[in-house]
Amino acid sequence: VSCISAGDGNTDYADSVKGRFTISRDDAKNTVY
């Protein structure tokens, strides 16, 4: 569905969800959304 890289936080999405889904991370909380 989606991917977020370590460090620079680059994101990638499947075509089916582009524009609708957003991946993010909060490293302080050790959590990805």
Full PDB file with SEQRES, HELIX, SHEET, SSBOND, CRYST1, ORIGX, SCALE, CONECT and MASTER records, all heavy atoms in Angstrom:
SEQRES   1 A   33  VAL SER CYS ILE SER ALA GLY ASP GLY ASN THR ASP TYR          
SEQRES   2 A   33  ALA ASP SER VAL LYS GLY ARG PHE THR ILE SER ARG ASP          
SEQRES   3 A   33  ASP ALA LYS ASN THR VAL TYR                                  
HELIX    1 AA1 ASP A   27  LYS A   29  5                                   3    
SHEET    1 AA1 2 SER A   2  ILE A   4  0                                        
SHEET    2 AA1 2 THR A  11  TYR A  13 -1                                        
SHEET    1 AA2 2 ARG A  25  ASP A  26  0                                        
SHEET    2 AA2 2 THR A  31  VAL A  32 -1                                        
CRYST1    1.000    1.000    1.000  90.00  90.00  90.00 P 1           1          
ORIGX1      1.000000  0.000000  0.000000        0.00000                         
ORIGX2      0.000000  1.000000  0.000000        0.00000                         
ORIGX3      0.000000  0.000000  1.000000        0.00000                         
SCALE1      1.000000  0.000000  0.000000        0.00000                         
SCALE2      0.000000  1.000000  0.000000        0.00000                         
SCALE3      0.000000  0.000000  1.000000        0.00000                         
ATOM      1  N   VAL A   1       0.824  -1.202   0.000  1.00  0.00           N  
ATOM      2  CA  VAL A   1       0.000   0.000   0.000  1.00  0.00           C  
ATOM      3  C   VAL A   1       0.860   1.255   0.000  1.00  0.00           C  
ATOM      4  O   VAL A   1       0.652   2.168  -0.804  1.00  0.00           O  
ATOM      5  CB  VAL A   1      -0.957   0.010   1.204  1.00  0.00           C  
ATOM      6  CG1 VAL A   1      -1.736   1.320   1.264  1.00  0.00           C  
ATOM      7  CG2 VAL A   1      -1.902  -1.177   1.137  1.00  0.00           C  
ATOM      8  N   SER A   2       1.803   1.309   0.916  1.00  0.00           N  
ATOM      9  CA  SER A   2       2.626   2.492   1.059  1.00  0.00           C  
ATOM     10  C   SER A   2       3.907   2.142   1.787  1.00  0.00           C  
ATOM     11  O   SER A   2       3.988   1.123   2.478  1.00  0.00           O  
ATOM     12  CB  SER A   2       1.857   3.577   1.825  1.00  0.00           C  
ATOM     13  OG  SER A   2       2.582   4.788   1.885  1.00  0.00           O  
ATOM     14  N   CYS A   3       4.892   3.001   1.635  1.00  0.00           N  
ATOM     15  CA  CYS A   3       6.188   2.789   2.272  1.00  0.00           C  
ATOM     16  C   CYS A   3       6.784   4.129   2.640  1.00  0.00           C  
ATOM     17  O   CYS A   3       6.655   5.104   1.889  1.00  0.00           O  
ATOM     18  CB  CYS A   3       7.124   2.033   1.332  1.00  0.00           C  
ATOM     19  SG  CYS A   3       8.801   1.771   1.959  1.00  0.00           S  
ATOM     20  N   ILE A   4       7.439   4.174   3.772  1.00  0.00           N  
ATOM     21  CA  ILE A   4       8.184   5.359   4.165  1.00  0.00           C  
ATOM     22  C   ILE A   4       9.586   4.925   4.559  1.00  0.00           C  
ATOM     23  O   ILE A   4       9.766   3.976   5.318  1.00  0.00           O  
ATOM     24  CB  ILE A   4       7.468   6.128   5.300  1.00  0.00           C  
ATOM     25  CG1 ILE A   4       8.201   7.437   5.597  1.00  0.00           C  
ATOM     26  CG2 ILE A   4       7.329   5.273   6.556  1.00  0.00           C  
ATOM     27  CD1 ILE A   4       7.377   8.404   6.445  1.00  0.00           C  
ATOM     28  N   SER A   5      10.577   5.609   4.032  1.00  0.00           N  
ATOM     29  CA  SER A   5      11.956   5.215   4.258  1.00  0.00           C  
ATOM     30  C   SER A   5      12.480   5.754   5.580  1.00  0.00           C  
ATOM     31  O   SER A   5      11.932   6.693   6.166  1.00  0.00           O  
ATOM     32  CB  SER A   5      12.846   5.698   3.105  1.00  0.00           C  
ATOM     33  OG  SER A   5      12.907   7.114   3.070  1.00  0.00           O  
ATOM     34  N   ALA A   6      13.549   5.137   6.038  1.00  0.00           N  
ATOM     35  CA  ALA A   6      14.263   5.668   7.195  1.00  0.00           C  
ATOM     36  C   ALA A   6      15.032   6.913   6.789  1.00  0.00           C  
ATOM     37  O   ALA A   6      15.318   7.149   5.615  1.00  0.00           O  
ATOM     38  CB  ALA A   6      15.216   4.610   7.749  1.00  0.00           C  
ATOM     39  N   GLY A   7      15.370   7.723   7.752  1.00  0.00           N  
ATOM     40  CA  GLY A   7      16.197   8.894   7.502  1.00  0.00           C  
ATOM     41  C   GLY A   7      15.449  10.033   6.839  1.00  0.00           C  
ATOM     42  O   GLY A   7      14.890  10.904   7.512  1.00  0.00           O  
ATOM     43  N   ASP A   8      15.448  10.033   5.501  1.00  0.00           N  
ATOM     44  CA  ASP A   8      14.842  11.149   4.781  1.00  0.00           C  
ATOM     45  C   ASP A   8      13.329  11.079   4.711  1.00  0.00           C  
ATOM     46  O   ASP A   8      12.687  12.056   4.323  1.00  0.00           O  
ATOM     47  CB  ASP A   8      15.427  11.274   3.375  1.00  0.00           C  
ATOM     48  CG  ASP A   8      15.262  10.030   2.530  1.00  0.00           C  
ATOM     49  OD1 ASP A   8      14.488   9.133   2.919  1.00  0.00           O  
ATOM     50  OD2 ASP A   8      15.915   9.947   1.469  1.00  0.00           O  
ATOM     51  N   GLY A   9      12.756   9.939   5.057  1.00  0.00           N  
ATOM     52  CA  GLY A   9      11.315   9.820   5.101  1.00  0.00           C  
ATOM     53  C   GLY A   9      10.626   9.885   3.751  1.00  0.00           C  
ATOM     54  O   GLY A   9       9.468  10.319   3.668  1.00  0.00           O  
ATOM     55  N   ASN A  10      11.304   9.468   2.694  1.00  0.00           N  
ATOM     56  CA  ASN A  10      10.661   9.407   1.390  1.00  0.00           C  
ATOM     57  C   ASN A  10       9.491   8.441   1.424  1.00  0.00           C  
ATOM     58  O   ASN A  10       9.544   7.406   2.104  1.00  0.00           O  
ATOM     59  CB  ASN A  10      11.649   8.963   0.316  1.00  0.00           C  
ATOM     60  CG  ASN A  10      12.632  10.047  -0.052  1.00  0.00           C  
ATOM     61  OD1 ASN A  10      12.409  11.226   0.211  1.00  0.00           O  
ATOM     62  ND2 ASN A  10      13.735   9.655  -0.664  1.00  0.00           N  
ATOM     63  N   THR A  11       8.452   8.774   0.692  1.00  0.00           N  
ATOM     64  CA  THR A  11       7.243   7.968   0.701  1.00  0.00           C  
ATOM     65  C   THR A  11       6.915   7.443  -0.683  1.00  0.00           C  
ATOM     66  O   THR A  11       7.306   8.025  -1.702  1.00  0.00           O  
ATOM     67  CB  THR A  11       6.046   8.769   1.232  1.00  0.00           C  
ATOM     68  OG1 THR A  11       5.843   9.931   0.412  1.00  0.00           O  
ATOM     69  CG2 THR A  11       6.299   9.219   2.665  1.00  0.00           C  
ATOM     70  N   ASP A  12       6.185   6.354  -0.694  1.00  0.00           N  
ATOM     71  CA  ASP A  12       5.760   5.730  -1.930  1.00  0.00           C  
ATOM     72  C   ASP A  12       4.376   5.149  -1.701  1.00  0.00           C  
ATOM     73  O   ASP A  12       4.054   4.717  -0.592  1.00  0.00           O  
ATOM     74  CB  ASP A  12       6.743   4.638  -2.345  1.00  0.00           C  
ATOM     75  CG  ASP A  12       6.549   4.181  -3.779  1.00  0.00           C  
ATOM     76  OD1 ASP A  12       5.898   4.897  -4.557  1.00  0.00           O  
ATOM     77  OD2 ASP A  12       7.062   3.097  -4.121  1.00  0.00           O  
ATOM     78  N   TYR A  13       3.559   5.144  -2.756  1.00  0.00           N  
ATOM     79  CA  TYR A  13       2.192   4.682  -2.640  1.00  0.00           C  
ATOM     80  C   TYR A  13       1.807   3.828  -3.833  1.00  0.00           C  
ATOM     81  O   TYR A  13       2.262   4.062  -4.954  1.00  0.00           O  
ATOM     82  CB  TYR A  13       1.213   5.858  -2.565  1.00  0.00           C  
ATOM     83  CG  TYR A  13       1.455   6.782  -1.401  1.00  0.00           C  
ATOM     84  CD1 TYR A  13       2.282   7.887  -1.534  1.00  0.00           C  
ATOM     85  CD2 TYR A  13       0.848   6.548  -0.174  1.00  0.00           C  
ATOM     86  CE1 TYR A  13       2.504   8.733  -0.460  1.00  0.00           C  
ATOM     87  CE2 TYR A  13       1.068   7.388   0.895  1.00  0.00           C  
ATOM     88  CZ  TYR A  13       1.896   8.482   0.749  1.00  0.00           C  
ATOM     89  OH  TYR A  13       2.116   9.323   1.815  1.00  0.00           O  
ATOM     90  N   ALA A  14       0.964   2.863  -3.565  1.00  0.00           N  
ATOM     91  CA  ALA A  14       0.354   2.131  -4.654  1.00  0.00           C  
ATOM     92  C   ALA A  14      -0.557   3.068  -5.434  1.00  0.00           C  
ATOM     93  O   ALA A  14      -1.153   3.993  -4.875  1.00  0.00           O  
ATOM     94  CB  ALA A  14      -0.445   0.948  -4.114  1.00  0.00           C  
ATOM     95  N   ASP A  15      -0.658   2.834  -6.729  1.00  0.00           N  
ATOM     96  CA  ASP A  15      -1.491   3.694  -7.564  1.00  0.00           C  
ATOM     97  C   ASP A  15      -2.930   3.766  -7.060  1.00  0.00           C  
ATOM     98  O   ASP A  15      -3.581   4.807  -7.172  1.00  0.00           O  
ATOM     99  CB  ASP A  15      -1.480   3.204  -9.009  1.00  0.00           C  
ATOM    100  CG  ASP A  15      -0.159   3.448  -9.707  1.00  0.00           C  
ATOM    101  OD1 ASP A  15       0.623   4.299  -9.230  1.00  0.00           O  
ATOM    102  OD2 ASP A  15       0.091   2.803 -10.739  1.00  0.00           O  
ATOM    103  N   SER A  16      -3.404   2.683  -6.503  1.00  0.00           N  
ATOM    104  CA  SER A  16      -4.787   2.612  -6.074  1.00  0.00           C  
ATOM    105  C   SER A  16      -5.107   3.525  -4.894  1.00  0.00           C  
ATOM    106  O   SER A  16      -6.279   3.811  -4.640  1.00  0.00           O  
ATOM    107  CB  SER A  16      -5.161   1.172  -5.718  1.00  0.00           C  
ATOM    108  OG  SER A  16      -4.335   0.677  -4.677  1.00  0.00           O  
ATOM    109  N   VAL A  17      -4.086   3.981  -4.183  1.00  0.00           N  
ATOM    110  CA  VAL A  17      -4.327   4.809  -3.001  1.00  0.00           C  
ATOM    111  C   VAL A  17      -3.705   6.186  -3.099  1.00  0.00           C  
ATOM    112  O   VAL A  17      -3.892   7.008  -2.190  1.00  0.00           O  
ATOM    113  CB  VAL A  17      -3.829   4.116  -1.713  1.00  0.00           C  
ATOM    114  CG1 VAL A  17      -4.434   2.726  -1.586  1.00  0.00           C  
ATOM    115  CG2 VAL A  17      -2.306   4.057  -1.670  1.00  0.00           C  
ATOM    116  N   LYS A  18      -2.998   6.477  -4.169  1.00  0.00           N  
ATOM    117  CA  LYS A  18      -2.371   7.784  -4.320  1.00  0.00           C  
ATOM    118  C   LYS A  18      -3.409   8.891  -4.262  1.00  0.00           C  
ATOM    119  O   LYS A  18      -4.458   8.815  -4.878  1.00  0.00           O  
ATOM    120  CB  LYS A  18      -1.608   7.855  -5.643  1.00  0.00           C  
ATOM    121  CG  LYS A  18      -0.297   7.101  -5.650  1.00  0.00           C  
ATOM    122  CD  LYS A  18       0.417   7.236  -6.984  1.00  0.00           C  
ATOM    123  CE  LYS A  18       1.742   6.487  -6.983  1.00  0.00           C  
ATOM    124  NZ  LYS A  18       2.415   6.540  -8.297  1.00  0.00           N  
ATOM    125  N   GLY A  19      -3.079   9.913  -3.510  1.00  0.00           N  
ATOM    126  CA  GLY A  19      -3.988  11.038  -3.351  1.00  0.00           C  
ATOM    127  C   GLY A  19      -5.008  10.853  -2.259  1.00  0.00           C  
ATOM    128  O   GLY A  19      -5.693  11.822  -1.890  1.00  0.00           O  
ATOM    129  N   ARG A  20      -5.134   9.643  -1.745  1.00  0.00           N  
ATOM    130  CA  ARG A  20      -6.109   9.363  -0.694  1.00  0.00           C  
ATOM    131  C   ARG A  20      -5.449   8.969   0.622  1.00  0.00           C  
ATOM    132  O   ARG A  20      -5.965   9.298   1.691  1.00  0.00           O  
ATOM    133  CB  ARG A  20      -7.064   8.255  -1.123  1.00  0.00           C  
ATOM    134  CG  ARG A  20      -7.869   8.589  -2.375  1.00  0.00           C  
ATOM    135  CD  ARG A  20      -8.944   7.541  -2.638  1.00  0.00           C  
ATOM    136  NE  ARG A  20      -8.368   6.227  -2.893  1.00  0.00           N  
ATOM    137  CZ  ARG A  20      -8.595   5.148  -2.144  1.00  0.00           C  
ATOM    138  NH1 ARG A  20      -9.389   5.227  -1.086  1.00  0.00           N  
ATOM    139  NH2 ARG A  20      -8.036   3.986  -2.460  1.00  0.00           N  
ATOM    140  N   PHE A  21      -4.339   8.260   0.545  1.00  0.00           N  
ATOM    141  CA  PHE A  21      -3.648   7.783   1.741  1.00  0.00           C  
ATOM    142  C   PHE A  21      -2.361   8.574   1.949  1.00  0.00           C  
ATOM    143  O   PHE A  21      -1.705   8.985   0.983  1.00  0.00           O  
ATOM    144  CB  PHE A  21      -3.287   6.306   1.620  1.00  0.00           C  
ATOM    145  CG  PHE A  21      -4.454   5.359   1.651  1.00  0.00           C  
ATOM    146  CD1 PHE A  21      -5.759   5.806   1.581  1.00  0.00           C  
ATOM    147  CD2 PHE A  21      -4.220   3.998   1.755  1.00  0.00           C  
ATOM    148  CE1 PHE A  21      -6.829   4.928   1.609  1.00  0.00           C  
ATOM    149  CE2 PHE A  21      -5.272   3.103   1.787  1.00  0.00           C  
ATOM    150  CZ  PHE A  21      -6.573   3.565   1.713  1.00  0.00           C  
ATOM    151  N   THR A  22      -1.997   8.758   3.204  1.00  0.00           N  
ATOM    152  CA  THR A  22      -0.757   9.428   3.549  1.00  0.00           C  
ATOM    153  C   THR A  22      -0.045   8.648   4.642  1.00  0.00           C  
ATOM    154  O   THR A  22      -0.622   8.393   5.700  1.00  0.00           O  
ATOM    155  CB  THR A  22      -0.999  10.864   4.034  1.00  0.00           C  
ATOM    156  OG1 THR A  22      -1.692  11.610   3.025  1.00  0.00           O  
ATOM    157  CG2 THR A  22       0.330  11.553   4.329  1.00  0.00           C  
ATOM    158  N   ILE A  23       1.192   8.285   4.381  1.00  0.00           N  
ATOM    159  CA  ILE A  23       1.997   7.608   5.382  1.00  0.00           C  
ATOM    160  C   ILE A  23       2.908   8.629   6.056  1.00  0.00           C  
ATOM    161  O   ILE A  23       3.408   9.553   5.417  1.00  0.00           O  
ATOM    162  CB  ILE A  23       2.815   6.456   4.751  1.00  0.00           C  
ATOM    163  CG1 ILE A  23       3.467   5.590   5.835  1.00  0.00           C  
ATOM    164  CG2 ILE A  23       3.855   6.980   3.770  1.00  0.00           C  
ATOM    165  CD1 ILE A  23       4.082   4.303   5.291  1.00  0.00           C  
ATOM    166  N   SER A  24       3.096   8.475   7.341  1.00  0.00           N  
ATOM    167  CA  SER A  24       3.958   9.380   8.088  1.00  0.00           C  
ATOM    168  C   SER A  24       4.564   8.627   9.253  1.00  0.00           C  
ATOM    169  O   SER A  24       4.153   7.512   9.575  1.00  0.00           O  
ATOM    170  CB  SER A  24       3.175  10.606   8.578  1.00  0.00           C  
ATOM    171  OG  SER A  24       2.137  10.220   9.471  1.00  0.00           O  
ATOM    172  N   ARG A  25       5.547   9.242   9.867  1.00  0.00           N  
ATOM    173  CA  ARG A  25       6.159   8.603  11.025  1.00  0.00           C  
ATOM    174  C   ARG A  25       6.472   9.621  12.091  1.00  0.00           C  
ATOM    175  O   ARG A  25       6.787  10.784  11.807  1.00  0.00           O  
ATOM    176  CB  ARG A  25       7.406   7.812  10.613  1.00  0.00           C  
ATOM    177  CG  ARG A  25       8.574   8.624  10.070  1.00  0.00           C  
ATOM    178  CD  ARG A  25       9.594   7.719   9.365  1.00  0.00           C  
ATOM    179  NE  ARG A  25       9.978   6.584  10.191  1.00  0.00           N  
ATOM    180  CZ  ARG A  25      10.531   5.467   9.725  1.00  0.00           C  
ATOM    181  NH1 ARG A  25      10.760   5.325   8.425  1.00  0.00           N  
ATOM    182  NH2 ARG A  25      10.852   4.483  10.557  1.00  0.00           N  
ATOM    183  N   ASP A  26       6.374   9.184  13.322  1.00  0.00           N  
ATOM    184  CA  ASP A  26       6.752   9.966  14.482  1.00  0.00           C  
ATOM    185  C   ASP A  26       7.803   9.143  15.212  1.00  0.00           C  
ATOM    186  O   ASP A  26       7.479   8.256  16.001  1.00  0.00           O  
ATOM    187  CB  ASP A  26       5.543  10.251  15.374  1.00  0.00           C  
ATOM    188  CG  ASP A  26       5.869  11.194  16.511  1.00  0.00           C  
ATOM    189  OD1 ASP A  26       7.051  11.327  16.879  1.00  0.00           O  
ATOM    190  OD2 ASP A  26       4.925  11.819  17.043  1.00  0.00           O  
ATOM    191  N   ASP A  27       9.054   9.440  14.924  1.00  0.00           N  
ATOM    192  CA  ASP A  27      10.133   8.631  15.477  1.00  0.00           C  
ATOM    193  C   ASP A  27      10.210   8.726  16.997  1.00  0.00           C  
ATOM    194  O   ASP A  27      10.628   7.774  17.655  1.00  0.00           O  
ATOM    195  CB  ASP A  27      11.467   9.041  14.850  1.00  0.00           C  
ATOM    196  CG  ASP A  27      11.578   8.653  13.394  1.00  0.00           C  
ATOM    197  OD1 ASP A  27      10.863   7.718  12.970  1.00  0.00           O  
ATOM    198  OD2 ASP A  27      12.381   9.272  12.663  1.00  0.00           O  
ATOM    199  N   ALA A  28       9.824   9.871  17.548  1.00  0.00           N  
ATOM    200  CA  ALA A  28       9.831  10.023  18.994  1.00  0.00           C  
ATOM    201  C   ALA A  28       8.862   9.053  19.658  1.00  0.00           C  
ATOM    202  O   ALA A  28       9.071   8.641  20.798  1.00  0.00           O  
ATOM    203  CB  ALA A  28       9.497  11.454  19.383  1.00  0.00           C  
ATOM    204  N   LYS A  29       7.797   8.711  18.948  1.00  0.00           N  
ATOM    205  CA  LYS A  29       6.812   7.768  19.462  1.00  0.00           C  
ATOM    206  C   LYS A  29       7.026   6.357  18.944  1.00  0.00           C  
ATOM    207  O   LYS A  29       6.248   5.452  19.273  1.00  0.00           O  
ATOM    208  CB  LYS A  29       5.401   8.233  19.108  1.00  0.00           C  
ATOM    209  CG  LYS A  29       4.995   9.536  19.769  1.00  0.00           C  
ATOM    210  CD  LYS A  29       3.572   9.912  19.414  1.00  0.00           C  
ATOM    211  CE  LYS A  29       3.153  11.189  20.118  1.00  0.00           C  
ATOM    212  NZ  LYS A  29       1.762  11.579  19.776  1.00  0.00           N  
ATOM    213  N   ASN A  30       8.058   6.179  18.118  1.00  0.00           N  
ATOM    214  CA  ASN A  30       8.358   4.867  17.557  1.00  0.00           C  
ATOM    215  C   ASN A  30       7.145   4.303  16.815  1.00  0.00           C  
ATOM    216  O   ASN A  30       6.835   3.114  16.904  1.00  0.00           O  
ATOM    217  CB  ASN A  30       8.794   3.891  18.666  1.00  0.00           C  
ATOM    218  CG  ASN A  30       9.983   3.036  18.274  1.00  0.00           C  
ATOM    219  OD1 ASN A  30      10.777   3.397  17.404  1.00  0.00           O  
ATOM    220  ND2 ASN A  30      10.116   1.885  18.923  1.00  0.00           N  
ATOM    221  N   THR A  31       6.491   5.179  16.065  1.00  0.00           N  
ATOM    222  CA  THR A  31       5.222   4.841  15.444  1.00  0.00           C  
ATOM    223  C   THR A  31       5.157   5.367  14.018  1.00  0.00           C  
ATOM    224  O   THR A  31       5.663   6.449  13.720  1.00  0.00           O  
ATOM    225  CB  THR A  31       4.056   5.422  16.263  1.00  0.00           C  
ATOM    226  OG1 THR A  31       4.089   4.875  17.584  1.00  0.00           O  
ATOM    227  CG2 THR A  31       2.719   5.084  15.625  1.00  0.00           C  
ATOM    228  N   VAL A  32       4.526   4.588  13.159  1.00  0.00           N  
ATOM    229  CA  VAL A  32       4.225   4.987  11.789  1.00  0.00           C  
ATOM    230  C   VAL A  32       2.716   4.977  11.622  1.00  0.00           C  
ATOM    231  O   VAL A  32       2.027   4.115  12.171  1.00  0.00           O  
ATOM    232  CB  VAL A  32       4.912   4.055  10.778  1.00  0.00           C  
ATOM    233  CG1 VAL A  32       4.379   4.292   9.366  1.00  0.00           C  
ATOM    234  CG2 VAL A  32       6.414   4.275  10.801  1.00  0.00           C  
ATOM    235  N   TYR A  33       2.222   5.922  10.846  1.00  0.00           N  
ATOM    236  CA  TYR A  33       0.792   6.069  10.655  1.00  0.00           C  
ATOM    237  C   TYR A  33       0.418   5.920   9.186  1.00  0.00           C  
ATOM    238  O   TYR A  33       1.227   6.140   8.286  1.00  0.00           O  
ATOM    239  CB  TYR A  33       0.320   7.442  11.130  1.00  0.00           C  
ATOM    240  CG  TYR A  33       0.673   7.749  12.561  1.00  0.00           C  
ATOM    241  CD1 TYR A  33       1.815   8.483  12.865  1.00  0.00           C  
ATOM    242  CD2 TYR A  33      -0.127   7.299  13.603  1.00  0.00           C  
ATOM    243  CE1 TYR A  33       2.145   8.767  14.178  1.00  0.00           C  
ATOM    244  CE2 TYR A  33       0.198   7.577  14.915  1.00  0.00           C  
ATOM    245  CZ  TYR A  33       1.336   8.312  15.201  1.00  0.00           C  
ATOM    246  OH  TYR A  33       1.657   8.588  16.505  1.00  0.00           O  
TER     247      TYR A  33                                                      
MASTER        0    0    0    1    4    0    0    6  246    1    0    3          
END                                                                             
